[in-house]
Amino acid sequence: MSLKNIAIIVDGQTEESSLRKRFEMIYQDCPILRLGPGNGNTYTIEGYAKGVLPTLIYLLSSSVRAIILIPDLEKRKVKVELFSENLKNEIINQLIIANGNLKKEFLTDIIKVCPPNIMFENWIISDVISIKANNPLIDPNANQKKFDGKNGTSELQKIMTTKYKKTVHAKDLFKKTEDLASSQNSSSYNYFRQNFDELFNKHCQALVTKKDN
């Protein structure tokens, strides 16, 4: 087994490339990464679940043993915890309708929904101290704050010395963050790490060596 026993479904190429670079740096391996059906304020929970259903069915028929979905919370008028719970329940319900052999208890155990609050950039700036060290792209006077619930892209732009470009900068900035600091500064990132670590310990730990981070 390897990290490829875990699949992570993300909103776009920025998240895909950023997570891939970070996982490969830490573990020399990477979970299976797949793009979700889209996101945004107008994307309903039902619409997201329906759109991601074919991908989930395919993954569950493969060697994948657990799935994490990380759709952005965006500006939805709901707390991130409730959004996560409602989306997970809808996904499980639709999977059971599609395949009556799947059991709710089984799906509840292997499917995790861990939305960034509000967007992936909030996870990047969950560790300003690490990403600004010897990095000319970040203002050396930038301070760490609790950024969950704020517009992560706007907050990141405020501390950058150049115009932020997702496809250029995100993967390199995210690679410099450290799990402990990010978990302390972002409850949504901490929730993701807790769930990933749970699945890692259950399915991958004996076969993958994690570098100190």
C-alpha atoms as a PDB file:
ATOM      1  CA  MET A   1       0.000   0.000   0.000  1.00  0.00           C
ATOM      2  CA  SER A   2       0.992   3.644  -0.385  1.00  0.00           C
ATOM      3  CA  LEU A   3      -0.543   7.089  -0.120  1.00  0.00           C
ATOM      4  CA  LYS A   4      -2.445   6.151  -3.269  1.00  0.00           C
ATOM      5  CA  ASN A   5      -4.804   4.211  -1.017  1.00  0.00           C
ATOM      6  CA  ILE A   6      -6.177   7.685  -0.221  1.00  0.00           C
ATOM      7  CA  ALA A   7      -7.841   9.932  -2.807  1.00  0.00           C
ATOM      8  CA  ILE A   8      -8.306  13.676  -2.408  1.00  0.00           C
ATOM      9  CA  ILE A   9     -10.825  15.600  -4.485  1.00  0.00           C
ATOM     10  CA  VAL A  10     -10.076  19.293  -4.941  1.00  0.00           C
ATOM     11  CA  ASP A  11     -11.688  22.283  -6.631  1.00  0.00           C
ATOM     12  CA  GLY A  12      -9.027  23.128  -9.191  1.00  0.00           C
ATOM     13  CA  GLN A  13      -5.509  22.909 -10.573  1.00  0.00           C
ATOM     14  CA  THR A  14      -4.113  25.292  -7.930  1.00  0.00           C
ATOM     15  CA  GLU A  15      -5.039  22.930  -5.120  1.00  0.00           C
ATOM     16  CA  GLU A  16      -3.979  19.889  -7.116  1.00  0.00           C
ATOM     17  CA  SER A  17      -0.480  21.180  -7.857  1.00  0.00           C
ATOM     18  CA  SER A  18      -0.008  22.626  -4.364  1.00  0.00           C
ATOM     19  CA  LEU A  19      -1.000  19.456  -2.534  1.00  0.00           C
ATOM     20  CA  ARG A  20       1.029  17.283  -4.897  1.00  0.00           C
ATOM     21  CA  LYS A  21       4.198  19.312  -4.356  1.00  0.00           C
ATOM     22  CA  ARG A  22       3.767  19.314  -0.574  1.00  0.00           C
ATOM     23  CA  PHE A  23       2.952  15.609  -0.240  1.00  0.00           C
ATOM     24  CA  GLU A  24       5.871  14.613  -2.447  1.00  0.00           C
ATOM     25  CA  MET A  25       8.188  16.788  -0.367  1.00  0.00           C
ATOM     26  CA  ILE A  26       7.061  15.275   2.950  1.00  0.00           C
ATOM     27  CA  TYR A  27       6.302  11.660   2.007  1.00  0.00           C
ATOM     28  CA  GLN A  28       8.010  11.140  -1.361  1.00  0.00           C
ATOM     29  CA  ASP A  29       4.564   9.933  -2.389  1.00  0.00           C
ATOM     30  CA  CYS A  30       1.180  11.496  -3.068  1.00  0.00           C
ATOM     31  CA  PRO A  31      -2.461  10.501  -2.680  1.00  0.00           C
ATOM     32  CA  ILE A  32      -4.545  10.193  -5.832  1.00  0.00           C
ATOM     33  CA  LEU A  33      -5.691  13.726  -6.658  1.00  0.00           C
ATOM     34  CA  ARG A  34      -8.846  14.366  -8.677  1.00  0.00           C
ATOM     35  CA  LEU A  35     -10.716  17.516  -9.647  1.00  0.00           C
ATOM     36  CA  GLY A  36     -14.244  17.943  -8.321  1.00  0.00           C
ATOM     37  CA  PRO A  37     -17.248  19.070 -10.362  1.00  0.00           C
ATOM     38  CA  GLY A  38     -16.774  22.778  -9.609  1.00  0.00           C
ATOM     39  CA  ASN A  39     -17.683  25.071  -6.761  1.00  0.00           C
ATOM     40  CA  GLY A  40     -18.800  28.587  -5.891  1.00  0.00           C
ATOM     41  CA  ASN A  41     -21.669  30.163  -3.995  1.00  0.00           C
ATOM     42  CA  THR A  42     -24.240  29.016  -6.534  1.00  0.00           C
ATOM     43  CA  TYR A  43     -23.092  25.399  -6.433  1.00  0.00           C
ATOM     44  CA  THR A  44     -25.598  23.655  -4.170  1.00  0.00           C
ATOM     45  CA  ILE A  45     -24.739  20.753  -1.902  1.00  0.00           C
ATOM     46  CA  GLU A  46     -27.005  18.544  -3.985  1.00  0.00           C
ATOM     47  CA  GLY A  47     -25.388  19.736  -7.212  1.00  0.00           C
ATOM     48  CA  TYR A  48     -21.872  19.159  -5.932  1.00  0.00           C
ATOM     49  CA  ALA A  49     -22.730  15.674  -4.665  1.00  0.00           C
ATOM     50  CA  LYS A  50     -24.364  14.748  -7.954  1.00  0.00           C
ATOM     51  CA  GLY A  51     -21.434  16.102  -9.944  1.00  0.00           C
ATOM     52  CA  VAL A  52     -18.780  14.245  -7.944  1.00  0.00           C
ATOM     53  CA  LEU A  53     -20.740  10.966  -7.825  1.00  0.00           C
ATOM     54  CA  PRO A  54     -19.177   9.325 -10.933  1.00  0.00           C
ATOM     55  CA  THR A  55     -15.672  10.057  -9.631  1.00  0.00           C
ATOM     56  CA  LEU A  56     -16.509   8.606  -6.213  1.00  0.00           C
ATOM     57  CA  ILE A  57     -18.031   5.462  -7.708  1.00  0.00           C
ATOM     58  CA  TYR A  58     -14.944   4.938  -9.842  1.00  0.00           C
ATOM     59  CA  LEU A  59     -12.556   5.482  -6.925  1.00  0.00           C
ATOM     60  CA  LEU A  60     -14.488   3.125  -4.663  1.00  0.00           C
ATOM     61  CA  SER A  61     -14.200   0.407  -7.297  1.00  0.00           C
ATOM     62  CA  SER A  62     -10.395   0.803  -7.332  1.00  0.00           C
ATOM     63  CA  SER A  63      -7.725   0.192  -4.692  1.00  0.00           C
ATOM     64  CA  VAL A  64      -8.626   3.469  -2.945  1.00  0.00           C
ATOM     65  CA  ARG A  65      -9.602   2.884   0.681  1.00  0.00           C
ATOM     66  CA  ALA A  66     -10.558   6.386   1.781  1.00  0.00           C
ATOM     67  CA  ILE A  67     -11.574   9.683   0.163  1.00  0.00           C
ATOM     68  CA  ILE A  68     -11.166  13.286   1.346  1.00  0.00           C
ATOM     69  CA  LEU A  69     -13.077  16.074  -0.387  1.00  0.00           C
ATOM     70  CA  ILE A  70     -11.895  19.657   0.090  1.00  0.00           C
ATOM     71  CA  PRO A  71     -14.395  21.973  -1.642  1.00  0.00           C
ATOM     72  CA  ASP A  72     -13.962  25.628  -0.706  1.00  0.00           C
ATOM     73  CA  LEU A  73     -16.557  27.043   1.665  1.00  0.00           C
ATOM     74  CA  GLU A  74     -16.547  30.229  -0.448  1.00  0.00           C
ATOM     75  CA  LYS A  75     -19.066  32.859   0.776  1.00  0.00           C
ATOM     76  CA  ARG A  76     -21.823  30.435   1.663  1.00  0.00           C
ATOM     77  CA  LYS A  77     -24.037  31.689   4.469  1.00  0.00           C
ATOM     78  CA  VAL A  78     -23.397  28.655   6.639  1.00  0.00           C
ATOM     79  CA  LYS A  79     -20.735  27.656   9.139  1.00  0.00           C
ATOM     80  CA  VAL A  80     -17.992  25.469   7.736  1.00  0.00           C
ATOM     81  CA  GLU A  81     -18.815  22.631  10.142  1.00  0.00           C
ATOM     82  CA  LEU A  82     -22.449  22.482   9.044  1.00  0.00           C
ATOM     83  CA  PHE A  83     -21.498  22.720   5.363  1.00  0.00           C
ATOM     84  CA  SER A  84     -19.096  19.820   5.820  1.00  0.00           C
ATOM     85  CA  GLU A  85     -21.660  17.675   7.631  1.00  0.00           C
ATOM     86  CA  ASN A  86     -24.474  18.386   5.162  1.00  0.00           C
ATOM     87  CA  LEU A  87     -22.306  17.739   2.119  1.00  0.00           C
ATOM     88  CA  LYS A  88     -20.980  14.476   3.548  1.00  0.00           C
ATOM     89  CA  ASN A  89     -24.506  13.273   4.311  1.00  0.00           C
ATOM     90  CA  GLU A  90     -25.706  14.159   0.809  1.00  0.00           C
ATOM     91  CA  ILE A  91     -22.754  12.400  -0.804  1.00  0.00           C
ATOM     92  CA  ILE A  92     -23.351   9.269   1.267  1.00  0.00           C
ATOM     93  CA  ASN A  93     -27.072   9.265   0.466  1.00  0.00           C
ATOM     94  CA  GLN A  94     -26.426   9.577  -3.262  1.00  0.00           C
ATOM     95  CA  LEU A  95     -23.808   6.824  -3.177  1.00  0.00           C
ATOM     96  CA  ILE A  96     -26.239   4.464  -1.461  1.00  0.00           C
ATOM     97  CA  ILE A  97     -28.935   5.268  -4.012  1.00  0.00           C
ATOM     98  CA  ALA A  98     -26.454   4.579  -6.815  1.00  0.00           C
ATOM     99  CA  ASN A  99     -25.170   1.370  -5.235  1.00  0.00           C
ATOM    100  CA  GLY A 100     -27.395  -0.351  -2.706  1.00  0.00           C
ATOM    101  CA  ASN A 101     -24.544  -2.624  -1.645  1.00  0.00           C
ATOM    102  CA  LEU A 102     -22.710   0.272  -0.012  1.00  0.00           C
ATOM    103  CA  LYS A 103     -23.412   0.651   3.690  1.00  0.00           C
ATOM    104  CA  LYS A 104     -23.818   3.978   5.473  1.00  0.00           C
ATOM    105  CA  GLU A 105     -21.477   2.981   8.308  1.00  0.00           C
ATOM    106  CA  PHE A 106     -18.740   2.039   5.833  1.00  0.00           C
ATOM    107  CA  LEU A 107     -19.072   5.253   3.835  1.00  0.00           C
ATOM    108  CA  THR A 108     -19.197   7.396   6.977  1.00  0.00           C
ATOM    109  CA  ASP A 109     -15.877   5.920   8.043  1.00  0.00           C
ATOM    110  CA  ILE A 110     -13.980   6.336   4.765  1.00  0.00           C
ATOM    111  CA  ILE A 111     -15.359   9.621   3.372  1.00  0.00           C
ATOM    112  CA  LYS A 112     -14.207  12.924   4.888  1.00  0.00           C
ATOM    113  CA  VAL A 113     -15.252  16.437   3.842  1.00  0.00           C
ATOM    114  CA  CYS A 114     -12.750  19.112   4.898  1.00  0.00           C
ATOM    115  CA  PRO A 115     -13.523  22.530   3.369  1.00  0.00           C
ATOM    116  CA  PRO A 116     -11.025  25.391   3.597  1.00  0.00           C
ATOM    117  CA  ASN A 117     -12.591  28.431   5.264  1.00  0.00           C
ATOM    118  CA  ILE A 118     -13.015  30.335   2.897  1.00  0.00           C
ATOM    119  CA  MET A 119     -10.656  29.140   0.160  1.00  0.00           C
ATOM    120  CA  PHE A 120      -7.396  27.291  -0.339  1.00  0.00           C
ATOM    121  CA  GLU A 121      -5.362  30.483   0.108  1.00  0.00           C
ATOM    122  CA  ASN A 122      -6.551  30.568   3.736  1.00  0.00           C
ATOM    123  CA  TRP A 123      -4.486  27.422   4.277  1.00  0.00           C
ATOM    124  CA  ILE A 124      -1.455  29.013   2.634  1.00  0.00           C
ATOM    125  CA  ILE A 125      -1.457  31.991   4.997  1.00  0.00           C
ATOM    126  CA  SER A 126      -2.076  29.808   8.038  1.00  0.00           C
ATOM    127  CA  ASP A 127       1.715  29.903   8.481  1.00  0.00           C
ATOM    128  CA  VAL A 128       2.952  33.335   7.448  1.00  0.00           C
ATOM    129  CA  ILE A 129       6.097  33.010   9.558  1.00  0.00           C
ATOM    130  CA  SER A 130       7.387  30.009   7.619  1.00  0.00           C
ATOM    131  CA  ILE A 131       6.515  31.220   4.143  1.00  0.00           C
ATOM    132  CA  LYS A 132       8.091  34.641   4.633  1.00  0.00           C
ATOM    133  CA  ALA A 133      11.433  33.267   5.855  1.00  0.00           C
ATOM    134  CA  ASN A 134      13.995  34.111   3.173  1.00  0.00           C
ATOM    135  CA  ASN A 135      11.162  34.607   0.683  1.00  0.00           C
ATOM    136  CA  PRO A 136      11.242  37.923  -1.199  1.00  0.00           C
ATOM    137  CA  LEU A 137       7.638  37.447  -2.315  1.00  0.00           C
ATOM    138  CA  ILE A 138       6.374  38.073   1.229  1.00  0.00           C
ATOM    139  CA  ASP A 139       6.677  41.322   3.201  1.00  0.00           C
ATOM    140  CA  PRO A 140       9.194  40.592   5.988  1.00  0.00           C
ATOM    141  CA  ASN A 141       7.007  42.638   8.359  1.00  0.00           C
ATOM    142  CA  ALA A 142       3.917  40.503   7.709  1.00  0.00           C
ATOM    143  CA  ASN A 143       2.280  39.167  10.868  1.00  0.00           C
ATOM    144  CA  GLN A 144       0.419  35.956  11.526  1.00  0.00           C
ATOM    145  CA  LYS A 145      -3.317  36.318  12.141  1.00  0.00           C
ATOM    146  CA  LYS A 146      -6.333  34.043  12.288  1.00  0.00           C
ATOM    147  CA  PHE A 147      -7.426  34.221   8.645  1.00  0.00           C
ATOM    148  CA  ASP A 148     -10.204  31.614   8.599  1.00  0.00           C
ATOM    149  CA  GLY A 149     -13.457  33.238   7.508  1.00  0.00           C
ATOM    150  CA  LYS A 150     -11.688  35.999   5.580  1.00  0.00           C
ATOM    151  CA  ASN A 151     -10.971  36.210   1.866  1.00  0.00           C
ATOM    152  CA  GLY A 152      -7.728  34.261   1.753  1.00  0.00           C
ATOM    153  CA  THR A 153      -6.643  35.540  -1.650  1.00  0.00           C
ATOM    154  CA  SER A 154      -7.119  39.172  -0.632  1.00  0.00           C
ATOM    155  CA  GLU A 155      -5.288  38.637   2.655  1.00  0.00           C
ATOM    156  CA  LEU A 156      -2.411  36.882   0.895  1.00  0.00           C
ATOM    157  CA  GLN A 157      -2.136  39.688  -1.652  1.00  0.00           C
ATOM    158  CA  LYS A 158      -1.803  42.223   1.183  1.00  0.00           C
ATOM    159  CA  ILE A 159       1.421  40.630   2.409  1.00  0.00           C
ATOM    160  CA  MET A 160       2.972  39.884  -0.988  1.00  0.00           C
ATOM    161  CA  THR A 161       5.520  42.131  -2.648  1.00  0.00           C
ATOM    162  CA  THR A 162       4.239  41.227  -6.120  1.00  0.00           C
ATOM    163  CA  LYS A 163       0.884  40.469  -7.720  1.00  0.00           C
ATOM    164  CA  TYR A 164      -0.378  37.083  -6.589  1.00  0.00           C
ATOM    165  CA  LYS A 165      -0.826  34.572  -9.383  1.00  0.00           C
ATOM    166  CA  LYS A 166      -2.472  31.345  -8.275  1.00  0.00           C
ATOM    167  CA  THR A 167      -0.907  29.061 -10.830  1.00  0.00           C
ATOM    168  CA  VAL A 168       2.569  30.506 -10.280  1.00  0.00           C
ATOM    169  CA  HIS A 169       2.810  31.179  -6.540  1.00  0.00           C
ATOM    170  CA  ALA A 170       0.386  28.947  -4.621  1.00  0.00           C
ATOM    171  CA  LYS A 171       2.302  25.673  -4.844  1.00  0.00           C
ATOM    172  CA  ASP A 172       5.614  27.203  -3.803  1.00  0.00           C
ATOM    173  CA  LEU A 173       4.127  29.180  -0.902  1.00  0.00           C
ATOM    174  CA  PHE A 174       2.082  26.242   0.407  1.00  0.00           C
ATOM    175  CA  LYS A 175       5.146  24.008   0.286  1.00  0.00           C
ATOM    176  CA  LYS A 176       6.837  26.243   2.870  1.00  0.00           C
ATOM    177  CA  THR A 177       4.097  26.003   5.501  1.00  0.00           C
ATOM    178  CA  GLU A 178       4.470  23.699   8.482  1.00  0.00           C
ATOM    179  CA  ASP A 179       1.669  21.477   9.758  1.00  0.00           C
ATOM    180  CA  LEU A 180       1.909  22.403  13.430  1.00  0.00           C
ATOM    181  CA  ALA A 181       1.760  26.156  12.864  1.00  0.00           C
ATOM    182  CA  SER A 182      -0.961  25.857  10.228  1.00  0.00           C
ATOM    183  CA  SER A 183      -3.067  23.659  12.497  1.00  0.00           C
ATOM    184  CA  GLN A 184      -2.721  26.144  15.348  1.00  0.00           C
ATOM    185  CA  ASN A 185      -3.714  29.116  13.192  1.00  0.00           C
ATOM    186  CA  SER A 186      -6.461  27.564  11.054  1.00  0.00           C
ATOM    187  CA  SER A 187      -9.183  25.336  12.471  1.00  0.00           C
ATOM    188  CA  SER A 188     -10.227  24.283   8.971  1.00  0.00           C
ATOM    189  CA  TYR A 189      -6.677  23.183   8.122  1.00  0.00           C
ATOM    190  CA  ASN A 190      -6.425  21.432  11.472  1.00  0.00           C
ATOM    191  CA  TYR A 191      -9.609  19.494  10.673  1.00  0.00           C
ATOM    192  CA  PHE A 192      -8.139  18.417   7.340  1.00  0.00           C
ATOM    193  CA  ARG A 193      -4.892  17.283   8.955  1.00  0.00           C
ATOM    194  CA  GLN A 194      -6.687  15.372  11.707  1.00  0.00           C
ATOM    195  CA  ASN A 195      -8.734  13.480   9.151  1.00  0.00           C
ATOM    196  CA  PHE A 196      -5.795  12.858   6.843  1.00  0.00           C
ATOM    197  CA  ASP A 197      -3.644  11.630   9.725  1.00  0.00           C
ATOM    198  CA  GLU A 198      -6.416   9.282  10.843  1.00  0.00           C
ATOM    199  CA  LEU A 199      -6.634   7.741   7.381  1.00  0.00           C
ATOM    200  CA  PHE A 200      -2.848   7.721   6.971  1.00  0.00           C
ATOM    201  CA  ASN A 201      -2.381   5.847  10.254  1.00  0.00           C
ATOM    202  CA  LYS A 202      -5.057   3.350   9.299  1.00  0.00           C
ATOM    203  CA  HIS A 203      -4.046   2.625   5.701  1.00  0.00           C
ATOM    204  CA  CYS A 204      -0.545   3.878   4.953  1.00  0.00           C
ATOM    205  CA  GLN A 205       1.705   4.403   7.955  1.00  0.00           C
ATOM    206  CA  ALA A 206       3.605   1.140   7.831  1.00  0.00           C
ATOM    207  CA  LEU A 207       4.579   1.678   4.208  1.00  0.00           C
ATOM    208  CA  VAL A 208       5.361   5.386   3.963  1.00  0.00           C
ATOM    209  CA  THR A 209       8.035   7.315   5.807  1.00  0.00           C
ATOM    210  CA  LYS A 210       7.186  10.895   6.728  1.00  0.00           C
ATOM    211  CA  LYS A 211       9.981  13.442   6.801  1.00  0.00           C
ATOM    212  CA  ASP A 212      10.104  15.797   9.774  1.00  0.00           C
ATOM    213  CA  ASN A 213       8.081  18.951   9.073  1.00  0.00           C
END
